[in-house]
Protein backbone atom coordinates (compact mmCIF):
# COMPACT_ATOMS: atom_id res chain seq x y z
CA UNK A 1 1.94 -20.14 1.27
CA UNK A 2 4.37 -18.83 4.10
CA UNK A 3 6.24 -15.70 3.43
CA UNK A 4 8.03 -12.91 6.02
CA UNK A 5 5.93 -10.10 7.68
CA UNK A 6 7.45 -6.69 7.46
CA UNK A 7 4.66 -4.59 9.79
CA UNK A 8 4.94 -0.71 8.91
CA UNK A 9 3.12 2.20 9.68
CA UNK A 10 2.26 2.48 5.93
CA UNK A 11 0.06 0.70 3.37
CA UNK A 12 1.26 -0.73 0.08
CA UNK A 13 -1.13 -1.39 -2.71
CA UNK A 14 -0.38 -3.49 -5.59
CA UNK A 15 1.30 -1.83 -8.42
CA UNK A 16 2.61 0.82 -5.97
CA UNK A 17 6.40 1.30 -4.87
CA UNK A 18 7.86 2.11 -1.68
CA UNK A 19 11.61 2.91 -0.29
CA UNK A 20 12.80 1.14 3.12
CA UNK A 21 15.87 1.87 4.86
CA UNK A 22 16.56 -1.36 6.64
CA UNK A 23 18.79 -1.18 9.86
CA UNK A 24 17.22 -3.54 12.63
CA UNK A 25 19.18 -6.87 12.70
CA UNK A 26 15.78 -8.76 12.26
CA UNK A 27 15.06 -7.27 8.99
CA UNK A 28 18.50 -6.95 7.84
CA UNK A 29 18.42 -10.93 8.18
CA UNK A 30 15.00 -10.94 6.61
CA UNK A 31 15.98 -8.84 3.74
CA UNK A 32 19.20 -10.71 2.90
CA UNK A 33 17.39 -13.97 2.89
CA UNK A 34 14.82 -12.60 0.44
CA UNK A 35 17.45 -10.97 -2.03
CA UNK A 36 19.27 -14.48 -1.66
CA UNK A 37 16.35 -16.61 -2.55
CA UNK A 38 14.83 -13.91 -4.94
CA UNK A 39 11.83 -14.20 -2.75
CA UNK A 40 9.30 -11.78 -1.71
CA UNK A 41 7.97 -10.80 1.66
CA UNK A 42 4.53 -9.02 3.16
CA UNK A 43 3.89 -5.51 3.97
CA UNK A 44 1.02 -4.96 6.70
CA UNK A 45 -0.01 -1.99 8.46
CA UNK A 46 0.52 -2.40 12.13
CA UNK A 47 -2.63 -2.95 13.99
CA UNK A 48 -0.98 -2.76 17.34
CA UNK A 49 2.81 -1.95 18.64
CA UNK A 50 5.79 -0.24 17.10
CA UNK A 51 7.69 0.06 13.87
CA UNK A 52 10.89 -0.20 15.73
CA UNK A 53 12.20 -2.21 18.38
CA UNK A 54 9.22 -3.94 19.93
CA UNK A 55 6.76 -6.49 18.67
CA UNK A 56 4.08 -5.55 16.19
CA UNK A 57 0.54 -7.19 15.64
CA UNK A 58 -0.13 -6.60 12.00
CA UNK A 59 -3.41 -6.04 10.13
CA UNK A 60 -5.00 -9.32 8.69
CA UNK A 61 -4.73 -8.06 4.94
CA UNK A 62 -1.48 -6.95 3.11
CA UNK A 63 0.39 -6.55 0.19
CA UNK A 64 3.00 -9.23 -1.27
CA UNK A 65 6.53 -6.80 -1.83
CA UNK A 66 9.06 -7.68 -4.30
CA UNK A 67 12.32 -6.10 -3.94
CA UNK A 68 12.84 -4.10 -7.14
CA UNK A 69 16.26 -2.30 -6.28
CA UNK A 70 18.80 -2.69 -3.48
CA UNK A 71 22.04 -1.32 -1.88
CA UNK A 72 23.68 -2.96 0.93
CA UNK A 73 26.29 -1.26 3.23
CA UNK A 74 29.41 -2.55 4.83
CA UNK A 75 27.90 -2.36 8.31
CA UNK A 76 24.59 -4.68 7.01
CA UNK A 77 21.95 -1.89 6.25
CA UNK A 78 20.02 -2.11 3.12
CA UNK A 79 18.15 0.40 1.26
CA UNK A 80 15.52 -1.19 -0.88
CA UNK A 81 12.75 -0.31 -3.04
CA UNK A 82 9.85 -2.62 -3.20
CA UNK A 83 6.87 -3.06 -5.44
CA UNK A 84 3.61 -3.97 -4.48
CA UNK A 85 2.24 -7.31 -5.90
CA UNK A 86 -0.83 -9.47 -4.91
CA UNK A 87 -3.06 -8.94 -1.72
CA UNK A 88 -3.06 -11.57 0.88
CA UNK A 89 -4.77 -12.40 3.99
CA UNK A 90 -2.82 -13.49 7.13
CA UNK A 91 -4.15 -17.06 8.20
CA UNK A 92 -1.52 -17.88 11.01
CA UNK A 93 1.41 -15.65 12.51
CA UNK A 94 4.79 -17.67 12.96
CA UNK A 95 7.19 -16.16 15.49
CA UNK A 96 9.85 -19.00 15.54
CA UNK A 97 12.23 -16.25 13.94
CA UNK A 98 13.45 -12.67 15.13
CA UNK A 99 10.93 -11.62 12.48
CA UNK A 100 7.57 -12.31 11.83
CA UNK A 101 6.52 -15.18 9.18
CA UNK A 102 3.09 -15.90 8.24
CA UNK A 103 0.83 -18.25 6.35
CA UNK A 104 -1.08 -16.41 3.96
CA UNK A 105 -3.92 -16.85 1.36
CA UNK A 106 -3.59 -14.68 -1.83
CA UNK A 107 -6.89 -12.75 -2.43
CA UNK A 108 -8.65 -12.65 -5.69
CA UNK A 109 -9.19 -9.64 -7.64
CA UNK A 110 -13.20 -9.55 -8.87
CA UNK A 111 -14.24 -6.81 -10.59
CA UNK A 112 -17.36 -6.49 -8.86
CA UNK A 113 -20.77 -5.28 -10.05
CA UNK A 114 -20.82 -3.40 -13.13
CA UNK A 115 -21.21 0.29 -12.32
CA UNK A 116 -20.95 2.48 -15.82
CA UNK A 117 -19.48 5.74 -15.62
CA UNK A 118 -17.96 5.03 -11.95
CA UNK A 119 -14.48 5.11 -13.40
CA UNK A 120 -15.13 8.24 -15.33
CA UNK A 121 -16.38 9.96 -12.33
CA UNK A 122 -13.60 9.19 -10.21
CA UNK A 123 -11.17 10.43 -12.96
CA UNK A 124 -13.22 13.65 -12.94
CA UNK A 125 -12.72 14.03 -9.05
CA UNK A 126 -9.13 12.97 -9.16
CA UNK A 127 -8.42 15.56 -11.73
CA UNK A 128 -10.30 18.08 -9.35
CA UNK A 129 -7.65 17.37 -6.65
CA UNK A 130 -4.61 16.83 -8.69
CA UNK A 131 -3.09 20.30 -8.47
CA UNK A 132 -3.46 20.32 -4.79
CA UNK A 133 -1.63 17.04 -4.69
CA UNK A 134 1.29 18.00 -6.95
CA UNK A 135 1.87 21.36 -5.00
CA UNK A 136 2.02 19.35 -1.91
CA UNK A 137 4.90 17.59 -3.44
CA UNK A 138 3.14 14.19 -4.27
CA UNK A 139 4.75 12.54 -7.37
CA UNK A 140 1.37 11.83 -9.47
CA UNK A 141 1.45 9.06 -12.04
CA UNK A 142 1.40 10.31 -15.58
CA UNK A 143 -1.30 11.07 -17.59
CA UNK A 144 -1.88 7.40 -18.80
CA UNK A 145 -3.88 6.90 -15.31
CA UNK A 146 -7.07 8.12 -17.49
CA UNK A 147 -6.82 5.22 -19.11
CA UNK A 148 -6.57 2.46 -16.33
CA UNK A 149 -9.01 -0.28 -15.57
CA UNK A 150 -11.15 -0.24 -12.63
CA UNK A 151 -8.87 -2.36 -10.38
CA UNK A 152 -5.75 -0.56 -11.13
CA UNK A 153 -7.33 2.79 -11.25
CA UNK A 154 -8.50 2.27 -7.88
CA UNK A 155 -4.96 1.35 -6.48
CA UNK A 156 -3.13 3.81 -8.03
CA UNK A 157 -5.19 7.08 -6.84
CA UNK A 158 -5.54 5.15 -3.27
CA UNK A 159 -1.63 5.02 -3.16
CA UNK A 160 -1.36 8.92 -3.52
CA UNK A 161 -4.37 10.32 -1.56
CA UNK A 162 -3.82 12.50 1.15
CA UNK A 163 -5.91 10.10 3.94
CA UNK A 164 -5.28 8.47 7.14
CA UNK A 165 -3.53 5.15 7.28
CA UNK A 166 -6.87 3.66 8.42
CA UNK A 167 -8.54 4.77 5.61
CA UNK A 168 -5.98 3.26 3.08
CA UNK A 169 -6.25 -0.13 4.96
CA UNK A 170 -9.90 -0.02 4.50
CA UNK A 171 -9.62 0.64 0.71
CA UNK A 172 -6.91 -2.18 0.56
CA UNK A 173 -9.35 -4.99 2.26
CA UNK A 174 -12.46 -3.99 -0.17
CA UNK A 175 -12.62 -7.21 -1.91
CA UNK A 176 -13.95 -6.11 -5.41
CA UNK A 177 -12.63 -3.30 -7.80
CA UNK A 178 -16.09 -1.42 -7.92
CA UNK A 179 -16.48 -1.43 -4.21
CA UNK A 180 -12.90 0.03 -3.87
CA UNK A 181 -13.23 2.44 -6.53
CA UNK A 182 -16.45 3.82 -4.87
CA UNK A 183 -14.65 4.08 -1.37
CA UNK A 184 -12.13 6.10 -3.46
CA UNK A 185 -14.45 8.50 -5.00
CA UNK A 186 -15.67 9.06 -1.27
CA UNK A 187 -12.24 9.83 -0.27
CA UNK A 188 -11.60 11.94 -2.95
CA UNK A 189 -14.95 13.76 -2.35
CA UNK A 190 -13.85 14.37 1.44
CA UNK A 191 -10.37 15.62 0.26
CA UNK A 192 -12.17 18.15 -2.17
CA UNK A 193 -14.49 19.57 0.53
CA UNK A 194 -11.56 19.67 3.27
CA UNK A 195 -9.73 21.76 0.63
CA UNK A 196 -12.59 23.96 -0.44
CA UNK A 197 -13.07 24.71 3.41
CA UNK A 198 -9.30 25.36 4.09
CA UNK A 199 -9.25 27.91 1.06
CA UNK A 200 -12.79 29.57 2.28
CA UNK A 201 -11.15 30.03 5.75
CA UNK A 202 -8.27 31.79 4.20
């Protein structure tokens, strides 16, 4: 399948939402086409290059983004909100248009090896950093997150983790839900450790 690509300095996870202000002509054209045809585009973390102006090389794994809200201004700019849907792998990039398009393969979402107690342990770890996340202004998902399956839980927590984009990308690329949840647990432990060290130093 061929979809437009929007390389960004951020990672979009399946199920997460992202607000974007579209002002560059190439991306105004892209968003206009997507809205006209009710089609999604792909969000990829930038591997090399810049978000604005010049060309950008995307990471090979990204997330399909569906436009769920939009506002167009008289000068052609847009404000849009997108929701992450399926992960994909970029197979081939097409540069024939002002914006990138790519042949992509949508990725499966296997559960992975059974790991009893993993989801519960991740929930406990997340509860340990929840207060500091909320104090820092991060909007955290409601209490229903405690009942989520391993796949959705991993993505939901990864979307609000205060970690570097390369860690987020690493989590996105993990092929199965169990492996992803284990990596989220490692990241949570690091966040908690850093927070404890910062508290001890104050």
